[in-house]
Amino acid sequence: MSVDFNNWICPTPLRDYPAIVMGHGAGGKLSAELITHLFLPAFGGPHGPLADAALIDAGGARLAISTDSFVVRPLFFPGGNIGELAINGTINDIAMMGAQPLALTASFILEEGMPLDQLGVIAESMGRAAQQAGVTLIAGDTKVVDRGHGDGVYITTTGFGLVPAGIMIGPEHARPGDAIIVSGPIGLHGIAILSVREGIEFGAPITSDTAALHGLVSTMLASGARIHTLRDPTRGGVAAALNEIATTAQLGIEIVERDIPIPPTVQAACELLGMDPLHIANEGKLIAFVERNDVERLLTAMRTHPLGRDATLIGYATTEHPGVVVARTRIGGMRVVDTLVGEQLPRIC
C-alpha cells in the first residue's frame, strides 16, 4: 500500500508559532524563547542576569525591583485568592535576591460586570497580606475593559526592596559542590488550582501554599550560612527553577527523587493525571544553593521558622553535565529533568 505524505503535518509543531500560545506563559522553554528572541533584542539586550528581580544601585544602597502580573483562574481557590497571591508573589521575587521588601504598587485591569463585593474581598486580602508582610501599597492604577475580555480582574504588582550590605545572591552565583535545599512540600498550589478548576477531588483537601517568604529568608541569612542562590519555584515548578539556575551558572545539578518532599495527595493527583510533581507550581516555597559545609547550619535555622519546618536537602550542584538537571530515581536509575516546552497547567498565578 502506498502512502501519500504530501499533506502530512506535525500535529504539535514545536517552536514555530506565528502567534502567542498558552505555553508562552508557562515559564518553560517557550517563555524563555519569547524573552530571549523577542523582548531582549527589542529592549537592547540583557542588562544583567535574568533573575527573580533586578538590582539597582541608588545613592549607595542596593535596591531589588520586580514586577509581576497575575491572571490566575479561578480568582478564589483553596488557601487564597488572586489578591494575596499578587502581594506574596512579588514579595517573594524580591526576597529571592536577599532583599527586605519596602513597598509595592498595584495595577488593576477590571472587567465590566465584575461584582464589587468580590473585588472588595480581593482588595481586602491584598491589604491584609501587605500588612502582615510589613510592606505598604504606595501607588496604583485602574483600567476597565469590555465585558467578556478580562476574566473579572487581572492584577500587576511591582515591588521594591533593600538588599543588606554584603549580600550577593543570584542564579549566577551558584557553584559546583553547592548543596540544594527545598523549604518544604512541593506541588500544593498547582494541584489546589486544578482541583477547583476542574472539579476533581483527590480524597483529601489540597490547599495552596501561597505565603510571603521574606521572613524565612531573613532567618536563613541570619544563620551565617553561605547562601549563593535563592529561587521560588512558581511557574514550571522545581524543574524549571533548577534548569534556569543550571543554565545561568553553567553547572550540572543532581537531585534524589526520594528526598524531594511531595505530599501524598499531590503524588496521587499527579499519578492520576499523568503529571510530574517537579513541574507543578508552588507559591510559598524556595530553593536554596548553599555551601556544602553549611548545610546543617542552614537546615537548623530554616526549621525554626514556620515556613521552613520541613526544609530538606534534595541534591548537589556538580561540574558534570553543565546546564543539565538529572534525578536519581527511586529504583536507582538516572533521568533528565527537563523544562517543559509548553503549558502543563495554565493560569496558575
C-alpha atoms as a PDB file:
ATOM      1  CA  MET A   1       0.000   0.000   0.000  1.00  0.00           C
ATOM      2  CA  SER A   2       1.369   3.414  -0.959  1.00  0.00           C
ATOM      3  CA  VAL A   3       1.153   6.335   1.474  1.00  0.00           C
ATOM      4  CA  ASP A   4       0.883   9.957   0.344  1.00  0.00           C
ATOM      5  CA  PHE A   5       2.978  12.122   2.695  1.00  0.00           C
ATOM      6  CA  ASN A   6       2.341  15.412   0.843  1.00  0.00           C
ATOM      7  CA  ASN A   7      -0.421  16.599   3.175  1.00  0.00           C
ATOM      8  CA  TRP A   8       1.110  15.352   6.422  1.00  0.00           C
ATOM      9  CA  ILE A   9       1.992  17.886   9.127  1.00  0.00           C
ATOM     10  CA  CYS A  10       3.416  17.557  12.623  1.00  0.00           C
ATOM     11  CA  PRO A  11       0.402  17.544  14.999  1.00  0.00           C
ATOM     12  CA  THR A  12       2.280  19.548  17.650  1.00  0.00           C
ATOM     13  CA  PRO A  13       4.862  21.792  15.968  1.00  0.00           C
ATOM     14  CA  LEU A  14       7.471  22.878  18.493  1.00  0.00           C
ATOM     15  CA  ARG A  15       8.901  26.404  18.489  1.00  0.00           C
ATOM     16  CA  ASP A  16       7.442  27.506  15.102  1.00  0.00           C
ATOM     17  CA  TYR A  17       4.485  29.571  16.278  1.00  0.00           C
ATOM     18  CA  PRO A  18       3.329  32.615  14.279  1.00  0.00           C
ATOM     19  CA  ALA A  19       1.189  33.775  17.228  1.00  0.00           C
ATOM     20  CA  ILE A  20       1.203  33.579  21.014  1.00  0.00           C
ATOM     21  CA  VAL A  21       0.040  30.287  22.527  1.00  0.00           C
ATOM     22  CA  MET A  22      -0.673  29.486  26.170  1.00  0.00           C
ATOM     23  CA  GLY A  23       2.717  27.803  26.501  1.00  0.00           C
ATOM     24  CA  HIS A  24       4.427  31.181  26.118  1.00  0.00           C
ATOM     25  CA  GLY A  25       3.207  31.992  29.639  1.00  0.00           C
ATOM     26  CA  ALA A  26       4.183  28.722  31.271  1.00  0.00           C
ATOM     27  CA  GLY A  27       7.644  29.635  32.498  1.00  0.00           C
ATOM     28  CA  GLY A  28       9.179  26.886  30.348  1.00  0.00           C
ATOM     29  CA  LYS A  29      11.074  26.769  27.074  1.00  0.00           C
ATOM     30  CA  LEU A  30       8.549  28.783  25.088  1.00  0.00           C
ATOM     31  CA  SER A  31       8.590  31.535  27.719  1.00  0.00           C
ATOM     32  CA  ALA A  32      12.393  31.595  27.643  1.00  0.00           C
ATOM     33  CA  GLU A  33      12.453  31.789  23.859  1.00  0.00           C
ATOM     34  CA  LEU A  34       9.909  34.623  23.839  1.00  0.00           C
ATOM     35  CA  ILE A  35      12.089  36.614  26.226  1.00  0.00           C
ATOM     36  CA  THR A  36      15.400  35.738  24.567  1.00  0.00           C
ATOM     37  CA  HIS A  37      14.417  36.156  20.924  1.00  0.00           C
ATOM     38  CA  LEU A  38      11.729  38.866  21.029  1.00  0.00           C
ATOM     39  CA  PHE A  39      11.802  41.024  24.152  1.00  0.00           C
ATOM     40  CA  LEU A  40      15.518  41.219  24.936  1.00  0.00           C
ATOM     41  CA  PRO A  41      16.579  42.262  21.405  1.00  0.00           C
ATOM     42  CA  ALA A  42      13.780  44.845  21.338  1.00  0.00           C
ATOM     43  CA  PHE A  43      14.835  46.243  24.731  1.00  0.00           C
ATOM     44  CA  GLY A  44      18.543  46.428  23.934  1.00  0.00           C
ATOM     45  CA  GLY A  45      19.687  43.090  25.298  1.00  0.00           C
ATOM     46  CA  PRO A  46      20.023  41.782  28.867  1.00  0.00           C
ATOM     47  CA  HIS A  47      21.294  44.260  31.456  1.00  0.00           C
ATOM     48  CA  GLY A  48      22.256  41.597  33.957  1.00  0.00           C
ATOM     49  CA  PRO A  49      21.407  38.033  34.929  1.00  0.00           C
ATOM     50  CA  LEU A  50      17.773  37.035  34.335  1.00  0.00           C
ATOM     51  CA  ALA A  51      16.822  36.545  37.982  1.00  0.00           C
ATOM     52  CA  ASP A  52      13.646  36.974  40.042  1.00  0.00           C
ATOM     53  CA  ALA A  53      14.372  40.681  40.473  1.00  0.00           C
ATOM     54  CA  ALA A  54      16.758  43.312  39.158  1.00  0.00           C
ATOM     55  CA  LEU A  55      19.372  45.019  41.330  1.00  0.00           C
ATOM     56  CA  ILE A  56      19.875  48.781  41.058  1.00  0.00           C
ATOM     57  CA  ASP A  57      22.376  50.996  42.880  1.00  0.00           C
ATOM     58  CA  ALA A  58      20.606  54.036  44.342  1.00  0.00           C
ATOM     59  CA  GLY A  59      22.587  56.521  46.389  1.00  0.00           C
ATOM     60  CA  GLY A  60      24.876  53.883  47.848  1.00  0.00           C
ATOM     61  CA  ALA A  61      22.048  51.460  48.569  1.00  0.00           C
ATOM     62  CA  ARG A  62      21.169  48.399  46.522  1.00  0.00           C
ATOM     63  CA  LEU A  63      17.523  48.053  45.578  1.00  0.00           C
ATOM     64  CA  ALA A  64      15.822  44.917  44.311  1.00  0.00           C
ATOM     65  CA  ILE A  65      12.926  45.658  41.963  1.00  0.00           C
ATOM     66  CA  SER A  66      10.469  43.175  40.495  1.00  0.00           C
ATOM     67  CA  THR A  67       7.163  43.372  38.621  1.00  0.00           C
ATOM     68  CA  ASP A  68       4.701  40.549  38.101  1.00  0.00           C
ATOM     69  CA  SER A  69       1.220  40.081  36.635  1.00  0.00           C
ATOM     70  CA  PHE A  70      -1.403  37.701  37.999  1.00  0.00           C
ATOM     71  CA  VAL A  71      -4.124  36.151  35.848  1.00  0.00           C
ATOM     72  CA  VAL A  72      -4.997  33.076  37.929  1.00  0.00           C
ATOM     73  CA  ARG A  73      -8.242  31.303  37.153  1.00  0.00           C
ATOM     74  CA  PRO A  74     -10.352  30.906  39.261  1.00  0.00           C
ATOM     75  CA  LEU A  75      -9.934  34.119  41.234  1.00  0.00           C
ATOM     76  CA  PHE A  76     -10.649  32.280  44.513  1.00  0.00           C
ATOM     77  CA  PHE A  77      -9.055  28.944  45.353  1.00  0.00           C
ATOM     78  CA  PRO A  78      -8.396  26.814  48.467  1.00  0.00           C
ATOM     79  CA  GLY A  79      -5.982  28.766  50.624  1.00  0.00           C
ATOM     80  CA  GLY A  80      -6.225  32.170  48.965  1.00  0.00           C
ATOM     81  CA  ASN A  81      -7.242  34.368  46.069  1.00  0.00           C
ATOM     82  CA  ILE A  82      -5.656  36.436  43.322  1.00  0.00           C
ATOM     83  CA  GLY A  83      -5.200  39.426  45.651  1.00  0.00           C
ATOM     84  CA  GLU A  84      -2.951  37.897  48.298  1.00  0.00           C
ATOM     85  CA  LEU A  85      -1.224  35.878  45.569  1.00  0.00           C
ATOM     86  CA  ALA A  86      -0.261  39.155  43.867  1.00  0.00           C
ATOM     87  CA  ILE A  87       1.210  40.524  47.091  1.00  0.00           C
ATOM     88  CA  ASN A  88       3.049  37.377  48.137  1.00  0.00           C
ATOM     89  CA  GLY A  89       4.348  36.595  44.661  1.00  0.00           C
ATOM     90  CA  THR A  90       6.086  39.924  44.182  1.00  0.00           C
ATOM     91  CA  ILE A  91       7.432  39.972  47.743  1.00  0.00           C
ATOM     92  CA  ASN A  92       8.949  36.548  47.091  1.00  0.00           C
ATOM     93  CA  ASP A  93      10.650  37.679  43.894  1.00  0.00           C
ATOM     94  CA  ILE A  94      12.347  40.449  45.875  1.00  0.00           C
ATOM     95  CA  ALA A  95      13.208  38.111  48.744  1.00  0.00           C
ATOM     96  CA  MET A  96      14.989  35.730  46.360  1.00  0.00           C
ATOM     97  CA  MET A  97      17.666  38.412  45.974  1.00  0.00           C
ATOM     98  CA  GLY A  98      18.139  38.509  49.751  1.00  0.00           C
ATOM     99  CA  ALA A  99      16.236  41.814  49.953  1.00  0.00           C
ATOM    100  CA  GLN A 100      13.754  43.024  52.542  1.00  0.00           C
ATOM    101  CA  PRO A 101      10.613  44.400  50.848  1.00  0.00           C
ATOM    102  CA  LEU A 102       9.852  48.069  51.384  1.00  0.00           C
ATOM    103  CA  ALA A 103       6.814  48.951  49.268  1.00  0.00           C
ATOM    104  CA  LEU A 104       4.554  47.752  46.456  1.00  0.00           C
ATOM    105  CA  THR A 105       2.493  49.299  43.681  1.00  0.00           C
ATOM    106  CA  ALA A 106      -0.586  47.654  42.184  1.00  0.00           C
ATOM    107  CA  SER A 107      -2.379  47.952  38.847  1.00  0.00           C
ATOM    108  CA  PHE A 108      -5.835  46.504  38.163  1.00  0.00           C
ATOM    109  CA  ILE A 109      -7.400  45.540  34.844  1.00  0.00           C
ATOM    110  CA  LEU A 110     -11.094  45.177  35.694  1.00  0.00           C
ATOM    111  CA  GLU A 111     -13.717  43.557  33.502  1.00  0.00           C
ATOM    112  CA  GLU A 112     -17.044  45.295  33.081  1.00  0.00           C
ATOM    113  CA  GLY A 113     -19.523  43.364  35.200  1.00  0.00           C
ATOM    114  CA  MET A 114     -17.060  42.330  37.908  1.00  0.00           C
ATOM    115  CA  PRO A 115     -19.115  42.172  41.157  1.00  0.00           C
ATOM    116  CA  LEU A 116     -17.953  44.857  43.549  1.00  0.00           C
ATOM    117  CA  ASP A 117     -18.352  42.589  46.570  1.00  0.00           C
ATOM    118  CA  GLN A 118     -15.855  40.108  45.043  1.00  0.00           C
ATOM    119  CA  LEU A 119     -13.465  42.921  44.177  1.00  0.00           C
ATOM    120  CA  GLY A 120     -13.782  44.192  47.737  1.00  0.00           C
ATOM    121  CA  VAL A 121     -12.790  40.804  49.154  1.00  0.00           C
ATOM    122  CA  ILE A 122      -9.766  40.690  46.832  1.00  0.00           C
ATOM    123  CA  ALA A 123      -8.706  44.232  47.779  1.00  0.00           C
ATOM    124  CA  GLU A 124      -9.072  43.488  51.491  1.00  0.00           C
ATOM    125  CA  SER A 125      -6.985  40.340  51.056  1.00  0.00           C
ATOM    126  CA  MET A 126      -4.258  42.386  49.386  1.00  0.00           C
ATOM    127  CA  GLY A 127      -4.257  44.939  52.176  1.00  0.00           C
ATOM    128  CA  ARG A 128      -4.153  42.253  54.850  1.00  0.00           C
ATOM    129  CA  ALA A 129      -1.325  40.359  53.109  1.00  0.00           C
ATOM    130  CA  ALA A 130       0.702  43.545  52.722  1.00  0.00           C
ATOM    131  CA  GLN A 131       0.160  44.490  56.371  1.00  0.00           C
ATOM    132  CA  GLN A 132       1.177  41.026  57.565  1.00  0.00           C
ATOM    133  CA  ALA A 133       4.320  41.260  55.427  1.00  0.00           C
ATOM    134  CA  GLY A 134       5.158  44.708  56.781  1.00  0.00           C
ATOM    135  CA  VAL A 135       5.025  46.463  53.423  1.00  0.00           C
ATOM    136  CA  THR A 136       2.958  49.403  52.160  1.00  0.00           C
ATOM    137  CA  LEU A 137       0.971  49.745  48.949  1.00  0.00           C
ATOM    138  CA  ILE A 138       2.061  53.183  47.816  1.00  0.00           C
ATOM    139  CA  ALA A 139       0.648  53.677  44.293  1.00  0.00           C
ATOM    140  CA  GLY A 140      -1.560  52.069  41.701  1.00  0.00           C
ATOM    141  CA  ASP A 141      -3.754  52.333  38.635  1.00  0.00           C
ATOM    142  CA  THR A 142      -7.138  51.038  37.478  1.00  0.00           C
ATOM    143  CA  LYS A 143      -8.445  50.349  33.975  1.00  0.00           C
ATOM    144  CA  VAL A 144     -11.698  48.726  32.813  1.00  0.00           C
ATOM    145  CA  VAL A 145     -12.134  46.531  29.728  1.00  0.00           C
ATOM    146  CA  ASP A 146     -15.294  45.408  27.945  1.00  0.00           C
ATOM    147  CA  ARG A 147     -17.413  42.624  29.359  1.00  0.00           C
ATOM    148  CA  GLY A 148     -16.053  39.248  28.285  1.00  0.00           C
ATOM    149  CA  HIS A 149     -12.470  40.454  27.853  1.00  0.00           C
ATOM    150  CA  GLY A 150     -10.945  40.292  31.317  1.00  0.00           C
ATOM    151  CA  ASP A 151     -11.920  37.247  33.445  1.00  0.00           C
ATOM    152  CA  GLY A 152     -13.007  39.580  36.242  1.00  0.00           C
ATOM    153  CA  VAL A 153      -9.691  41.107  37.236  1.00  0.00           C
ATOM    154  CA  TYR A 154      -6.007  40.939  36.360  1.00  0.00           C
ATOM    155  CA  ILE A 155      -3.501  42.401  38.818  1.00  0.00           C
ATOM    156  CA  THR A 156       0.054  43.623  38.290  1.00  0.00           C
ATOM    157  CA  THR A 157       2.252  44.392  41.287  1.00  0.00           C
ATOM    158  CA  THR A 158       5.689  45.967  41.408  1.00  0.00           C
ATOM    159  CA  GLY A 159       7.860  45.640  44.495  1.00  0.00           C
ATOM    160  CA  PHE A 160      10.900  47.429  45.885  1.00  0.00           C
ATOM    161  CA  GLY A 161      13.263  46.001  48.465  1.00  0.00           C
ATOM    162  CA  LEU A 162      16.566  46.847  50.127  1.00  0.00           C
ATOM    163  CA  VAL A 163      19.457  44.388  49.845  1.00  0.00           C
ATOM    164  CA  PRO A 164      21.596  44.302  53.023  1.00  0.00           C
ATOM    165  CA  ALA A 165      25.283  45.131  52.674  1.00  0.00           C
ATOM    166  CA  GLY A 166      27.439  42.147  51.825  1.00  0.00           C
ATOM    167  CA  ILE A 167      24.603  40.012  50.450  1.00  0.00           C
ATOM    168  CA  MET A 168      25.307  38.692  46.936  1.00  0.00           C
ATOM    169  CA  ILE A 169      22.627  36.222  45.920  1.00  0.00           C
ATOM    170  CA  GLY A 170      21.587  35.258  42.411  1.00  0.00           C
ATOM    171  CA  PRO A 171      21.469  32.366  39.947  1.00  0.00           C
ATOM    172  CA  GLU A 172      24.882  33.295  38.562  1.00  0.00           C
ATOM    173  CA  HIS A 173      26.482  32.718  41.990  1.00  0.00           C
ATOM    174  CA  ALA A 174      25.633  29.001  42.244  1.00  0.00           C
ATOM    175  CA  ARG A 175      28.804  26.891  42.388  1.00  0.00           C
ATOM    176  CA  PRO A 176      29.720  23.238  41.838  1.00  0.00           C
ATOM    177  CA  GLY A 177      29.547  21.444  45.168  1.00  0.00           C
ATOM    178  CA  ASP A 178      26.686  23.572  46.491  1.00  0.00           C
ATOM    179  CA  ALA A 179      24.032  21.705  48.423  1.00  0.00           C
ATOM    180  CA  ILE A 180      20.450  22.203  47.216  1.00  0.00           C
ATOM    181  CA  ILE A 181      17.683  22.652  49.788  1.00  0.00           C
ATOM    182  CA  VAL A 182      13.934  22.990  49.281  1.00  0.00           C
ATOM    183  CA  SER A 183      11.987  24.701  52.073  1.00  0.00           C
ATOM    184  CA  GLY A 184       9.038  22.317  52.185  1.00  0.00           C
ATOM    185  CA  PRO A 185       6.499  20.115  50.372  1.00  0.00           C
ATOM    186  CA  ILE A 186       6.088  20.939  46.692  1.00  0.00           C
ATOM    187  CA  GLY A 187       3.197  20.998  44.223  1.00  0.00           C
ATOM    188  CA  LEU A 188       0.428  22.231  46.524  1.00  0.00           C
ATOM    189  CA  HIS A 189      -0.539  25.427  44.701  1.00  0.00           C
ATOM    190  CA  GLY A 190      -0.816  23.956  41.228  1.00  0.00           C
ATOM    191  CA  ILE A 191      -2.869  20.974  42.369  1.00  0.00           C
ATOM    192  CA  ALA A 192      -5.119  23.201  44.519  1.00  0.00           C
ATOM    193  CA  ILE A 193      -5.886  25.333  41.445  1.00  0.00           C
ATOM    194  CA  LEU A 194      -6.511  22.246  39.330  1.00  0.00           C
ATOM    195  CA  SER A 195      -8.871  20.711  41.894  1.00  0.00           C
ATOM    196  CA  VAL A 196     -11.279  23.663  41.899  1.00  0.00           C
ATOM    197  CA  ARG A 197     -10.928  24.498  38.204  1.00  0.00           C
ATOM    198  CA  GLU A 198     -11.774  21.008  37.023  1.00  0.00           C
ATOM    199  CA  GLY A 199     -13.932  19.948  39.970  1.00  0.00           C
ATOM    200  CA  ILE A 200     -11.683  16.997  40.791  1.00  0.00           C
ATOM    201  CA  GLU A 201     -11.499  15.562  44.303  1.00  0.00           C
ATOM    202  CA  PHE A 202      -8.327  13.763  45.340  1.00  0.00           C
ATOM    203  CA  GLY A 203      -9.520  12.140  48.569  1.00  0.00           C
ATOM    204  CA  ALA A 204      -8.216  14.906  50.850  1.00  0.00           C
ATOM    205  CA  PRO A 205      -8.365  18.704  50.638  1.00  0.00           C
ATOM    206  CA  ILE A 206      -5.373  20.341  48.931  1.00  0.00           C
ATOM    207  CA  THR A 207      -4.662  23.961  49.877  1.00  0.00           C
ATOM    208  CA  SER A 208      -2.423  26.443  48.115  1.00  0.00           C
ATOM    209  CA  ASP A 209       0.853  27.203  49.880  1.00  0.00           C
ATOM    210  CA  THR A 210       0.793  30.914  48.963  1.00  0.00           C
ATOM    211  CA  ALA A 211       2.893  32.820  51.513  1.00  0.00           C
ATOM    212  CA  ALA A 212       5.408  35.659  51.761  1.00  0.00           C
ATOM    213  CA  LEU A 213       8.894  34.206  52.178  1.00  0.00           C
ATOM    214  CA  HIS A 214      10.979  37.238  53.200  1.00  0.00           C
ATOM    215  CA  GLY A 215      10.784  36.330  56.900  1.00  0.00           C
ATOM    216  CA  LEU A 216      12.166  32.876  56.182  1.00  0.00           C
ATOM    217  CA  VAL A 217      14.917  34.402  54.040  1.00  0.00           C
ATOM    218  CA  SER A 218      15.867  36.754  56.887  1.00  0.00           C
ATOM    219  CA  THR A 219      16.165  33.764  59.220  1.00  0.00           C
ATOM    220  CA  MET A 220      18.336  31.973  56.671  1.00  0.00           C
ATOM    221  CA  LEU A 221      20.661  34.944  56.211  1.00  0.00           C
ATOM    222  CA  ALA A 222      20.952  35.440  59.973  1.00  0.00           C
ATOM    223  CA  SER A 223      22.245  31.866  60.310  1.00  0.00           C
ATOM    224  CA  GLY A 224      25.544  32.881  58.720  1.00  0.00           C
ATOM    225  CA  ALA A 225      25.321  30.093  56.137  1.00  0.00           C
ATOM    226  CA  ARG A 226      26.971  30.983  52.826  1.00  0.00           C
ATOM    227  CA  ILE A 227      23.919  31.109  50.566  1.00  0.00           C
ATOM    228  CA  HIS A 228      24.696  31.616  46.884  1.00  0.00           C
ATOM    229  CA  THR A 229      21.312  31.310  45.173  1.00  0.00           C
ATOM    230  CA  LEU A 230      17.629  31.503  46.084  1.00  0.00           C
ATOM    231  CA  ARG A 231      14.717  30.829  43.766  1.00  0.00           C
ATOM    232  CA  ASP A 232      10.979  30.356  44.297  1.00  0.00           C
ATOM    233  CA  PRO A 233       9.742  27.567  42.010  1.00  0.00           C
ATOM    234  CA  THR A 234       6.482  29.060  40.726  1.00  0.00           C
ATOM    235  CA  ARG A 235       5.534  28.543  37.042  1.00  0.00           C
ATOM    236  CA  GLY A 236       7.250  25.440  35.763  1.00  0.00           C
ATOM    237  CA  GLY A 237       7.853  24.194  39.307  1.00  0.00           C
ATOM    238  CA  VAL A 238      11.097  22.876  40.761  1.00  0.00           C
ATOM    239  CA  ALA A 239      12.185  21.531  37.369  1.00  0.00           C
ATOM    240  CA  ALA A 240      12.082  24.930  35.660  1.00  0.00           C
ATOM    241  CA  ALA A 241      13.788  26.697  38.580  1.00  0.00           C
ATOM    242  CA  LEU A 242      16.671  24.211  38.701  1.00  0.00           C
ATOM    243  CA  ASN A 243      17.116  24.276  34.921  1.00  0.00           C
ATOM    244  CA  GLU A 244      17.277  28.077  34.905  1.00  0.00           C
ATOM    245  CA  ILE A 245      19.975  28.025  37.589  1.00  0.00           C
ATOM    246  CA  ALA A 246      21.923  25.255  35.837  1.00  0.00           C
ATOM    247  CA  THR A 247      21.862  27.192  32.561  1.00  0.00           C
ATOM    248  CA  THR A 248      22.756  30.556  34.099  1.00  0.00           C
ATOM    249  CA  ALA A 249      25.626  29.235  36.242  1.00  0.00           C
ATOM    250  CA  GLN A 250      26.666  26.600  33.678  1.00  0.00           C
ATOM    251  CA  LEU A 251      26.828  23.780  36.170  1.00  0.00           C
ATOM    252  CA  GLY A 252      25.171  20.396  36.473  1.00  0.00           C
ATOM    253  CA  ILE A 253      22.554  19.538  39.065  1.00  0.00           C
ATOM    254  CA  GLU A 254      21.837  16.134  40.580  1.00  0.00           C
ATOM    255  CA  ILE A 255      18.808  15.599  42.819  1.00  0.00           C
ATOM    256  CA  VAL A 256      17.459  12.498  44.558  1.00  0.00           C
ATOM    257  CA  GLU A 257      13.776  11.817  43.889  1.00  0.00           C
ATOM    258  CA  ARG A 258      13.090  10.017  47.172  1.00  0.00           C
ATOM    259  CA  ASP A 259      14.397  13.026  49.137  1.00  0.00           C
ATOM    260  CA  ILE A 260      12.051  15.541  47.493  1.00  0.00           C
ATOM    261  CA  PRO A 261       9.139  16.305  49.867  1.00  0.00           C
ATOM    262  CA  ILE A 262       5.986  15.547  47.865  1.00  0.00           C
ATOM    263  CA  PRO A 263       2.707  15.353  49.811  1.00  0.00           C
ATOM    264  CA  PRO A 264       0.861  12.049  49.253  1.00  0.00           C
ATOM    265  CA  THR A 265      -2.180  13.892  47.886  1.00  0.00           C
ATOM    266  CA  VAL A 266      -0.036  15.717  45.327  1.00  0.00           C
ATOM    267  CA  GLN A 267       1.720  12.486  44.372  1.00  0.00           C
ATOM    268  CA  ALA A 268      -1.607  10.707  43.942  1.00  0.00           C
ATOM    269  CA  ALA A 269      -3.057  13.563  41.870  1.00  0.00           C
ATOM    270  CA  CYS A 270      -0.031  13.618  39.601  1.00  0.00           C
ATOM    271  CA  GLU A 271      -0.126   9.852  39.095  1.00  0.00           C
ATOM    272  CA  LEU A 272      -3.834  10.035  38.263  1.00  0.00           C
ATOM    273  CA  LEU A 273      -3.368  12.851  35.749  1.00  0.00           C
ATOM    274  CA  GLY A 274      -0.003  11.817  34.310  1.00  0.00           C
ATOM    275  CA  MET A 275       1.857  14.855  35.668  1.00  0.00           C
ATOM    276  CA  ASP A 276       5.314  15.200  37.197  1.00  0.00           C
ATOM    277  CA  PRO A 277       5.285  16.899  40.640  1.00  0.00           C
ATOM    278  CA  LEU A 278       8.572  18.599  39.729  1.00  0.00           C
ATOM    279  CA  HIS A 279       6.694  20.610  37.089  1.00  0.00           C
ATOM    280  CA  ILE A 280       3.835  21.706  39.375  1.00  0.00           C
ATOM    281  CA  ALA A 281       3.788  25.341  40.528  1.00  0.00           C
ATOM    282  CA  ASN A 282       4.427  26.470  44.106  1.00  0.00           C
ATOM    283  CA  GLU A 283       3.706  29.866  45.680  1.00  0.00           C
ATOM    284  CA  GLY A 284       5.233  29.540  49.141  1.00  0.00           C
ATOM    285  CA  LYS A 285       8.407  27.511  48.718  1.00  0.00           C
ATOM    286  CA  LEU A 286      12.014  28.343  47.913  1.00  0.00           C
ATOM    287  CA  ILE A 287      15.105  26.539  46.680  1.00  0.00           C
ATOM    288  CA  ALA A 288      18.497  27.441  48.168  1.00  0.00           C
ATOM    289  CA  PHE A 289      22.016  26.719  46.939  1.00  0.00           C
ATOM    290  CA  VAL A 290      24.402  26.808  49.901  1.00  0.00           C
ATOM    291  CA  GLU A 291      27.987  25.856  50.648  1.00  0.00           C
ATOM    292  CA  ARG A 292      28.100  22.124  51.393  1.00  0.00           C
ATOM    293  CA  ASN A 293      29.740  22.671  54.808  1.00  0.00           C
ATOM    294  CA  ASP A 294      26.876  24.971  55.869  1.00  0.00           C
ATOM    295  CA  VAL A 295      24.009  22.588  55.141  1.00  0.00           C
ATOM    296  CA  GLU A 296      23.212  21.592  58.729  1.00  0.00           C
ATOM    297  CA  ARG A 297      23.511  25.164  59.971  1.00  0.00           C
ATOM    298  CA  LEU A 298      21.052  26.358  57.345  1.00  0.00           C
ATOM    299  CA  LEU A 299      18.598  23.487  57.789  1.00  0.00           C
ATOM    300  CA  THR A 300      18.576  24.028  61.559  1.00  0.00           C
ATOM    301  CA  ALA A 301      17.810  27.726  61.094  1.00  0.00           C
ATOM    302  CA  MET A 302      15.122  27.135  58.476  1.00  0.00           C
ATOM    303  CA  ARG A 303      13.316  24.586  60.634  1.00  0.00           C
ATOM    304  CA  THR A 304      12.836  27.192  63.370  1.00  0.00           C
ATOM    305  CA  HIS A 305      10.616  29.181  61.003  1.00  0.00           C
ATOM    306  CA  PRO A 306       7.010  28.096  60.280  1.00  0.00           C
ATOM    307  CA  LEU A 307       7.597  28.238  56.512  1.00  0.00           C
ATOM    308  CA  GLY A 308      10.778  26.173  56.701  1.00  0.00           C
ATOM    309  CA  ARG A 309       9.980  23.490  59.278  1.00  0.00           C
ATOM    310  CA  ASP A 310      10.060  20.799  56.568  1.00  0.00           C
ATOM    311  CA  ALA A 311      13.213  22.050  54.826  1.00  0.00           C
ATOM    312  CA  THR A 312      15.033  19.182  53.112  1.00  0.00           C
ATOM    313  CA  LEU A 313      18.324  18.538  51.335  1.00  0.00           C
ATOM    314  CA  ILE A 314      17.500  17.221  47.843  1.00  0.00           C
ATOM    315  CA  GLY A 315      20.804  17.228  45.922  1.00  0.00           C
ATOM    316  CA  TYR A 316      24.016  18.935  44.864  1.00  0.00           C
ATOM    317  CA  ALA A 317      25.484  21.029  42.077  1.00  0.00           C
ATOM    318  CA  THR A 318      28.283  19.425  40.065  1.00  0.00           C
ATOM    319  CA  THR A 319      30.838  20.128  37.346  1.00  0.00           C
ATOM    320  CA  GLU A 320      29.417  17.242  35.308  1.00  0.00           C
ATOM    321  CA  HIS A 321      26.833  17.748  32.521  1.00  0.00           C
ATOM    322  CA  PRO A 322      26.777  21.591  32.725  1.00  0.00           C
ATOM    323  CA  GLY A 323      23.352  23.081  32.116  1.00  0.00           C
ATOM    324  CA  VAL A 324      21.560  19.769  32.697  1.00  0.00           C
ATOM    325  CA  VAL A 325      19.472  18.647  35.685  1.00  0.00           C
ATOM    326  CA  VAL A 326      19.272  14.929  36.443  1.00  0.00           C
ATOM    327  CA  ALA A 327      17.400  12.978  39.110  1.00  0.00           C
ATOM    328  CA  ARG A 328      18.282   9.684  40.726  1.00  0.00           C
ATOM    329  CA  THR A 329      15.075   7.672  40.576  1.00  0.00           C
ATOM    330  CA  ARG A 330      13.573   5.538  43.320  1.00  0.00           C
ATOM    331  CA  ILE A 331      14.815   2.383  41.570  1.00  0.00           C
ATOM    332  CA  GLY A 332      18.381   3.665  41.306  1.00  0.00           C
ATOM    333  CA  GLY A 333      18.435   4.894  37.719  1.00  0.00           C
ATOM    334  CA  MET A 334      19.013   8.417  36.412  1.00  0.00           C
ATOM    335  CA  ARG A 335      16.673  10.572  34.344  1.00  0.00           C
ATOM    336  CA  VAL A 336      16.995  14.015  32.839  1.00  0.00           C
ATOM    337  CA  VAL A 337      14.695  16.598  34.427  1.00  0.00           C
ATOM    338  CA  ASP A 338      13.998  18.973  31.582  1.00  0.00           C
ATOM    339  CA  THR A 339      11.907  22.114  31.302  1.00  0.00           C
ATOM    340  CA  LEU A 340       8.543  21.709  29.611  1.00  0.00           C
ATOM    341  CA  VAL A 341       8.162  23.218  26.158  1.00  0.00           C
ATOM    342  CA  GLY A 342       4.508  24.187  26.524  1.00  0.00           C
ATOM    343  CA  GLU A 343       1.868  24.526  29.208  1.00  0.00           C
ATOM    344  CA  GLN A 344       1.045  21.720  31.625  1.00  0.00           C
ATOM    345  CA  LEU A 345      -1.395  23.759  33.728  1.00  0.00           C
ATOM    346  CA  PRO A 346      -2.187  27.299  32.508  1.00  0.00           C
ATOM    347  CA  ARG A 347      -3.262  30.332  34.519  1.00  0.00           C
ATOM    348  CA  ILE A 348      -1.982  29.204  37.922  1.00  0.00           C
ATOM    349  CA  CYS A 349      -0.656  32.608  39.027  1.00  0.00           C
END
